[in-house]
Amino acid sequence: MAEHKSELDKKFEEAVRLASDPELKFPADIRLYFYAYYKRAVGNHNSDRMREDNEKNALISGFKMNALFQVRNIPIEEAKKRYIELVNEYIIKGKTKSEK
């Protein structure tokens, strides 16, 4: 049976595809927003993995953990919408500005 995706899910998947371009560079704070909203949207915020990473680079893991902590109470649908907004602002509009 084929899975029926909502319009929001389709837009979110397209946003993830656009944001996955390894050539894109963002300031650290913006990357953390992308990270936190994505993790919240897909329901993947594994604290055990964070503990493993924490041993490797405590500062970066601390920032990631804080970002996840800040979005922990927003609904998954809201996280998807905010992720899409980030893509619109920093990737789609950003390309338009840089092409002028």
C-alpha atoms as a PDB file:
ATOM      1  CA  MET A   1       0.000   0.000   0.000  1.00  0.00           C
ATOM      2  CA  ALA A   2       1.426   3.370  -1.024  1.00  0.00           C
ATOM      3  CA  GLU A   3       2.120   5.891   1.689  1.00  0.00           C
ATOM      4  CA  HIS A   4       0.166   9.128   1.351  1.00  0.00           C
ATOM      5  CA  LYS A   5       2.279  12.132   2.328  1.00  0.00           C
ATOM      6  CA  SER A   6       0.855  15.418   3.433  1.00  0.00           C
ATOM      7  CA  GLU A   7       1.705  18.613   1.601  1.00  0.00           C
ATOM      8  CA  LEU A   8       3.811  19.646   4.595  1.00  0.00           C
ATOM      9  CA  ASP A   9       5.788  16.385   4.439  1.00  0.00           C
ATOM     10  CA  LYS A  10       6.453  16.883   0.725  1.00  0.00           C
ATOM     11  CA  LYS A  11       7.645  20.459   1.285  1.00  0.00           C
ATOM     12  CA  PHE A  12       9.803  19.329   4.202  1.00  0.00           C
ATOM     13  CA  GLU A  13      11.437  16.572   2.142  1.00  0.00           C
ATOM     14  CA  GLU A  14      12.185  19.066  -0.646  1.00  0.00           C
ATOM     15  CA  ALA A  15      13.634  21.501   1.894  1.00  0.00           C
ATOM     16  CA  VAL A  16      15.872  18.748   3.305  1.00  0.00           C
ATOM     17  CA  ARG A  17      17.031  17.902  -0.213  1.00  0.00           C
ATOM     18  CA  LEU A  18      17.946  21.542  -0.876  1.00  0.00           C
ATOM     19  CA  ALA A  19      19.675  21.947   2.493  1.00  0.00           C
ATOM     20  CA  SER A  20      21.707  18.756   2.013  1.00  0.00           C
ATOM     21  CA  ASP A  21      23.958  20.386  -0.583  1.00  0.00           C
ATOM     22  CA  PRO A  22      27.495  20.014   0.842  1.00  0.00           C
ATOM     23  CA  GLU A  23      28.549  23.233  -0.908  1.00  0.00           C
ATOM     24  CA  LEU A  24      26.288  25.323   1.328  1.00  0.00           C
ATOM     25  CA  LYS A  25      28.047  27.194   4.119  1.00  0.00           C
ATOM     26  CA  PHE A  26      26.256  28.888   7.014  1.00  0.00           C
ATOM     27  CA  PRO A  27      27.281  30.558  10.261  1.00  0.00           C
ATOM     28  CA  ALA A  28      27.324  28.176  13.225  1.00  0.00           C
ATOM     29  CA  ASP A  29      24.140  29.556  14.781  1.00  0.00           C
ATOM     30  CA  ILE A  30      22.165  28.998  11.575  1.00  0.00           C
ATOM     31  CA  ARG A  31      23.552  25.461  11.218  1.00  0.00           C
ATOM     32  CA  LEU A  32      22.340  24.760  14.754  1.00  0.00           C
ATOM     33  CA  TYR A  33      18.823  25.894  13.834  1.00  0.00           C
ATOM     34  CA  PHE A  34      18.860  23.585  10.808  1.00  0.00           C
ATOM     35  CA  TYR A  35      20.143  20.761  13.007  1.00  0.00           C
ATOM     36  CA  ALA A  36      17.632  21.212  15.825  1.00  0.00           C
ATOM     37  CA  TYR A  37      14.548  21.672  13.638  1.00  0.00           C
ATOM     38  CA  TYR A  38      15.514  18.708  11.460  1.00  0.00           C
ATOM     39  CA  LYS A  39      16.102  16.441  14.450  1.00  0.00           C
ATOM     40  CA  ARG A  40      12.815  17.516  16.044  1.00  0.00           C
ATOM     41  CA  ALA A  41      10.912  17.181  12.763  1.00  0.00           C
ATOM     42  CA  VAL A  42      12.064  13.613  12.175  1.00  0.00           C
ATOM     43  CA  GLY A  43      11.818  12.680  15.842  1.00  0.00           C
ATOM     44  CA  ASN A  44      15.508  11.770  15.928  1.00  0.00           C
ATOM     45  CA  HIS A  45      17.193  13.352  18.903  1.00  0.00           C
ATOM     46  CA  ASN A  46      19.061  10.445  20.431  1.00  0.00           C
ATOM     47  CA  SER A  47      20.700  11.550  23.675  1.00  0.00           C
ATOM     48  CA  ASP A  48      22.832   8.375  23.807  1.00  0.00           C
ATOM     49  CA  ARG A  49      24.455   9.354  20.528  1.00  0.00           C
ATOM     50  CA  MET A  50      24.997  12.856  21.908  1.00  0.00           C
ATOM     51  CA  ARG A  51      26.837  11.377  24.890  1.00  0.00           C
ATOM     52  CA  GLU A  52      29.142   9.459  22.529  1.00  0.00           C
ATOM     53  CA  ASP A  53      29.791  12.599  20.492  1.00  0.00           C
ATOM     54  CA  ASN A  54      30.263  14.594  23.671  1.00  0.00           C
ATOM     55  CA  GLU A  55      33.381  12.606  24.472  1.00  0.00           C
ATOM     56  CA  LYS A  56      34.837  13.547  21.073  1.00  0.00           C
ATOM     57  CA  ASN A  57      34.068  17.250  21.072  1.00  0.00           C
ATOM     58  CA  ALA A  58      32.391  18.538  24.207  1.00  0.00           C
ATOM     59  CA  LEU A  59      31.903  22.118  23.028  1.00  0.00           C
ATOM     60  CA  ILE A  60      30.136  21.260  19.762  1.00  0.00           C
ATOM     61  CA  SER A  61      28.029  18.589  21.444  1.00  0.00           C
ATOM     62  CA  GLY A  62      27.060  21.084  24.121  1.00  0.00           C
ATOM     63  CA  PHE A  63      25.800  23.520  21.494  1.00  0.00           C
ATOM     64  CA  LYS A  64      23.878  20.737  19.743  1.00  0.00           C
ATOM     65  CA  MET A  65      22.349  19.544  22.998  1.00  0.00           C
ATOM     66  CA  ASN A  66      21.297  23.094  23.843  1.00  0.00           C
ATOM     67  CA  ALA A  67      19.718  23.530  20.405  1.00  0.00           C
ATOM     68  CA  LEU A  68      17.758  20.307  20.830  1.00  0.00           C
ATOM     69  CA  PHE A  69      16.732  21.344  24.328  1.00  0.00           C
ATOM     70  CA  GLN A  70      15.298  24.600  22.974  1.00  0.00           C
ATOM     71  CA  VAL A  71      13.040  22.861  20.435  1.00  0.00           C
ATOM     72  CA  ARG A  72      12.038  19.850  22.530  1.00  0.00           C
ATOM     73  CA  ASN A  73       8.514  21.113  23.213  1.00  0.00           C
ATOM     74  CA  ILE A  74       7.490  22.323  19.773  1.00  0.00           C
ATOM     75  CA  PRO A  75       5.216  20.032  17.760  1.00  0.00           C
ATOM     76  CA  ILE A  76       6.819  18.046  14.942  1.00  0.00           C
ATOM     77  CA  GLU A  77       4.689  19.870  12.351  1.00  0.00           C
ATOM     78  CA  GLU A  78       5.952  23.220  13.666  1.00  0.00           C
ATOM     79  CA  ALA A  79       9.556  22.009  13.451  1.00  0.00           C
ATOM     80  CA  LYS A  80       8.977  21.054   9.806  1.00  0.00           C
ATOM     81  CA  LYS A  81       7.495  24.488   9.069  1.00  0.00           C
ATOM     82  CA  ARG A  82      10.419  26.263  10.715  1.00  0.00           C
ATOM     83  CA  TYR A  83      12.911  24.123   8.813  1.00  0.00           C
ATOM     84  CA  ILE A  84      11.161  25.015   5.549  1.00  0.00           C
ATOM     85  CA  GLU A  85      11.278  28.703   6.544  1.00  0.00           C
ATOM     86  CA  LEU A  86      15.045  28.441   7.141  1.00  0.00           C
ATOM     87  CA  VAL A  87      15.522  26.921   3.693  1.00  0.00           C
ATOM     88  CA  ASN A  88      13.404  29.652   2.126  1.00  0.00           C
ATOM     89  CA  GLU A  89      15.310  32.397   3.917  1.00  0.00           C
ATOM     90  CA  TYR A  90      18.889  31.149   3.731  1.00  0.00           C
ATOM     91  CA  ILE A  91      18.966  28.989   0.614  1.00  0.00           C
ATOM     92  CA  ILE A  92      16.243  30.039  -1.823  1.00  0.00           C
ATOM     93  CA  LYS A  93      16.267  33.782  -1.088  1.00  0.00           C
ATOM     94  CA  GLY A  94      20.016  33.673  -0.460  1.00  0.00           C
ATOM     95  CA  LYS A  95      20.644  32.301  -3.963  1.00  0.00           C
ATOM     96  CA  THR A  96      18.413  34.950  -5.458  1.00  0.00           C
ATOM     97  CA  LYS A  97      20.372  37.694  -3.643  1.00  0.00           C
ATOM     98  CA  SER A  98      23.765  36.281  -4.633  1.00  0.00           C
ATOM     99  CA  GLU A  99      22.719  35.955  -8.298  1.00  0.00           C
ATOM    100  CA  LYS A 100      21.882  39.667  -8.597  1.00  0.00           C
END
